[in-house]
């Protein structure tokens, strides 16, 4: 709920503001009725990734964490090359600014959304990934008990229909990955 309050404040969300879509995993705290009610009341529409598929659909997992790991590894290698054998938390914090700068570039972020099929919206990309990585049987998902919300997908084909729904509903209203 603290994260949601932060999101509402820093995205200027509210009942009279433009709608926003919040893409998230299916962690229990995200599926909490109070979370969904508060988000919806502030014109934020939560949409959960299908279970066990965030590693192929979530932009950070798809296109940002890999460069982050690369630059972190380079920092550790640089320290070892300079005989800083005791690479510890202080060393990491010293390198973090440069790792952050090298990782979180505009092109990297935009590329991550594109690789995930989120922006520009490309349902085919997401559906193909779900076909490859989805478990063969349907995943049991605990759905929120709110009648106004669409049900959470239990299988990749249901998630594909959800993606098609959001593409039709939002593609004209969205102008950037934000």
Protein backbone atom coordinates (compact mmCIF):
# COMPACT_ATOMS: atom_id res chain seq x y z
CA UNK A 1 0.00 0.00 0.00
CA UNK A 2 2.95 2.33 0.65
CA UNK A 3 4.17 1.69 -2.91
CA UNK A 4 0.69 2.43 -4.26
CA UNK A 5 0.55 5.71 -2.30
CA UNK A 6 3.98 6.60 -3.77
CA UNK A 7 2.78 5.70 -7.27
CA UNK A 8 -0.40 7.76 -6.91
CA UNK A 9 1.57 10.78 -5.71
CA UNK A 10 4.38 10.65 -8.27
CA UNK A 11 2.27 9.81 -11.32
CA UNK A 12 -0.32 12.45 -10.47
CA UNK A 13 -3.03 9.79 -10.44
CA UNK A 14 -6.60 10.46 -9.38
CA UNK A 15 -10.23 10.01 -10.27
CA UNK A 16 -10.20 13.04 -12.57
CA UNK A 17 -6.80 12.23 -14.14
CA UNK A 18 -6.01 10.20 -17.29
CA UNK A 19 -6.14 6.44 -16.73
CA UNK A 20 -2.97 4.48 -16.09
CA UNK A 21 -2.23 0.77 -16.42
CA UNK A 22 -0.14 -0.85 -13.70
CA UNK A 23 1.58 -4.01 -14.93
CA UNK A 24 2.59 -6.29 -12.08
CA UNK A 25 3.23 -9.84 -10.99
CA UNK A 26 0.69 -11.84 -9.02
CA UNK A 27 2.29 -11.39 -5.62
CA UNK A 28 -0.30 -11.64 -2.85
CA UNK A 29 0.12 -7.99 -1.86
CA UNK A 30 -0.82 -6.94 -5.39
CA UNK A 31 -3.93 -9.11 -5.41
CA UNK A 32 -5.17 -7.68 -2.10
CA UNK A 33 -8.71 -6.28 -2.40
CA UNK A 34 -7.70 -3.01 -0.68
CA UNK A 35 -4.83 -2.52 -3.14
CA UNK A 36 -7.08 -3.09 -6.16
CA UNK A 37 -9.87 -0.89 -4.79
CA UNK A 38 -7.50 2.00 -4.03
CA UNK A 39 -5.73 1.70 -7.39
CA UNK A 40 -9.01 1.58 -9.31
CA UNK A 41 -10.40 4.51 -7.31
CA UNK A 42 -7.39 6.55 -8.48
CA UNK A 43 -7.90 5.58 -12.14
CA UNK A 44 -4.99 3.12 -12.03
CA UNK A 45 -5.96 -0.19 -13.63
CA UNK A 46 -3.91 -3.10 -12.28
CA UNK A 47 -3.16 -5.84 -14.79
CA UNK A 48 -1.24 -8.89 -13.62
CA UNK A 49 1.21 -10.80 -15.75
CA UNK A 50 0.32 -14.50 -16.00
CA UNK A 51 1.90 -16.52 -13.20
CA UNK A 52 5.41 -17.87 -13.74
CA UNK A 53 5.91 -15.79 -16.91
CA UNK A 54 7.22 -12.44 -15.66
CA UNK A 55 10.75 -13.49 -16.66
CA UNK A 56 9.67 -13.35 -20.34
CA UNK A 57 7.04 -10.59 -20.23
CA UNK A 58 8.17 -8.02 -17.66
CA UNK A 59 10.38 -5.31 -19.22
CA UNK A 60 12.92 -5.22 -16.38
CA UNK A 61 13.43 -8.98 -16.59
CA UNK A 62 13.47 -9.00 -20.39
CA UNK A 63 15.77 -6.10 -21.16
CA UNK A 64 17.21 -4.30 -18.14
CA UNK A 65 18.50 -6.80 -15.59
CA UNK A 66 20.84 -8.42 -18.12
CA UNK A 67 22.70 -5.14 -18.86
CA UNK A 68 22.69 -4.39 -15.12
CA UNK A 69 24.38 -7.73 -14.41
CA UNK A 70 26.87 -7.04 -17.21
CA UNK A 71 27.92 -3.65 -15.80
CA UNK A 72 28.06 -4.98 -12.25
CA UNK A 73 30.32 -7.82 -13.40
CA UNK A 74 32.54 -5.26 -15.20
CA UNK A 75 32.83 -3.22 -11.98
CA UNK A 76 33.86 -6.31 -9.99
CA UNK A 77 36.36 -7.31 -12.69
CA UNK A 78 37.80 -3.78 -12.68
CA UNK A 79 38.21 -3.93 -8.91
CA UNK A 80 39.93 -7.32 -9.13
CA UNK A 81 42.19 -6.05 -11.91
CA UNK A 82 43.24 -3.22 -9.59
CA UNK A 83 43.85 -5.72 -6.76
CA UNK A 84 40.82 -4.62 -4.75
CA UNK A 85 40.34 -8.20 -3.58
CA UNK A 86 37.90 -7.23 -0.80
CA UNK A 87 34.97 -6.16 -3.01
CA UNK A 88 32.31 -5.46 -0.39
CA UNK A 89 29.13 -3.41 0.12
CA UNK A 90 31.12 -0.16 0.28
CA UNK A 91 32.84 -1.03 -3.03
CA UNK A 92 29.47 -1.85 -4.59
CA UNK A 93 27.91 1.41 -3.37
CA UNK A 94 30.89 3.30 -4.78
CA UNK A 95 30.34 1.66 -8.19
CA UNK A 96 26.53 1.79 -8.12
CA UNK A 97 26.22 5.26 -9.68
CA UNK A 98 28.25 4.27 -12.72
CA UNK A 99 26.50 0.88 -12.99
CA UNK A 100 23.15 2.71 -12.84
CA UNK A 101 24.19 5.23 -15.52
CA UNK A 102 25.43 2.50 -17.85
CA UNK A 103 22.29 0.40 -17.35
CA UNK A 104 19.29 2.73 -17.18
CA UNK A 105 19.65 4.50 -20.50
CA UNK A 106 16.62 5.60 -22.48
CA UNK A 107 17.41 3.14 -25.30
CA UNK A 108 17.75 0.25 -22.86
CA UNK A 109 14.39 1.01 -21.24
CA UNK A 110 12.59 1.48 -24.58
CA UNK A 111 14.20 -1.70 -25.91
CA UNK A 112 13.01 -3.64 -22.87
CA UNK A 113 9.40 -2.59 -23.42
CA UNK A 114 9.71 -3.50 -27.11
CA UNK A 115 11.28 -6.92 -26.39
CA UNK A 116 8.45 -7.66 -23.95
CA UNK A 117 5.85 -6.69 -26.58
CA UNK A 118 4.40 -3.98 -24.33
CA UNK A 119 5.31 -0.88 -26.33
CA UNK A 120 4.75 -0.57 -29.15
CA UNK A 121 2.00 -3.05 -28.38
CA UNK A 122 2.82 -6.38 -29.99
CA UNK A 123 0.56 -9.14 -28.74
CA UNK A 124 2.19 -11.63 -31.10
CA UNK A 125 5.55 -11.27 -29.30
CA UNK A 126 4.00 -11.81 -25.88
CA UNK A 127 1.80 -14.70 -27.00
CA UNK A 128 4.72 -16.49 -28.68
CA UNK A 129 6.77 -16.19 -25.50
CA UNK A 130 3.88 -17.45 -23.42
CA UNK A 131 3.48 -20.47 -25.71
CA UNK A 132 7.14 -21.35 -25.20
CA UNK A 133 7.43 -20.78 -21.47
CA UNK A 134 3.95 -21.43 -20.06
CA UNK A 135 3.55 -24.63 -18.09
CA UNK A 136 1.56 -27.27 -20.00
CA UNK A 137 -1.26 -27.29 -17.44
CA UNK A 138 -3.23 -24.28 -16.28
CA UNK A 139 -1.87 -22.51 -13.22
CA UNK A 140 -4.21 -22.09 -10.27
CA UNK A 141 -4.49 -18.39 -9.50
CA UNK A 142 -6.36 -16.90 -6.58
CA UNK A 143 -8.62 -14.27 -8.11
CA UNK A 144 -9.68 -11.12 -6.28
CA UNK A 145 -13.27 -11.12 -5.09
CA UNK A 146 -14.28 -7.94 -6.88
CA UNK A 147 -17.02 -8.32 -9.50
CA UNK A 148 -16.04 -5.25 -11.54
CA UNK A 149 -12.54 -6.52 -12.34
CA UNK A 150 -11.70 -8.94 -15.15
CA UNK A 151 -10.54 -12.33 -13.92
CA UNK A 152 -6.84 -13.09 -13.77
CA UNK A 153 -5.60 -15.30 -16.61
CA UNK A 154 -5.04 -18.94 -15.72
CA UNK A 155 -3.46 -19.95 -19.05
CA UNK A 156 -1.48 -18.20 -21.75
CA UNK A 157 -4.44 -18.11 -24.14
CA UNK A 158 -6.49 -16.18 -21.59
CA UNK A 159 -3.60 -13.77 -21.13
CA UNK A 160 -3.50 -13.36 -24.92
CA UNK A 161 -7.16 -12.37 -24.94
CA UNK A 162 -6.42 -9.90 -22.14
CA UNK A 163 -3.58 -8.41 -24.16
CA UNK A 164 -5.84 -8.03 -27.19
CA UNK A 165 -8.44 -6.32 -24.98
CA UNK A 166 -5.90 -3.80 -23.61
CA UNK A 167 -4.43 -3.21 -27.07
CA UNK A 168 -7.83 -2.28 -28.45
CA UNK A 169 -8.76 -0.21 -25.44
CA UNK A 170 -5.49 1.66 -24.88
CA UNK A 171 -3.46 1.89 -28.07
CA UNK A 172 -5.06 5.18 -29.11
CA UNK A 173 -4.68 6.71 -25.66
CA UNK A 174 -1.05 5.78 -25.02
CA UNK A 175 1.62 7.93 -26.53
CA UNK A 176 4.78 6.51 -24.95
CA UNK A 177 6.00 3.63 -22.80
CA UNK A 178 5.14 5.66 -19.71
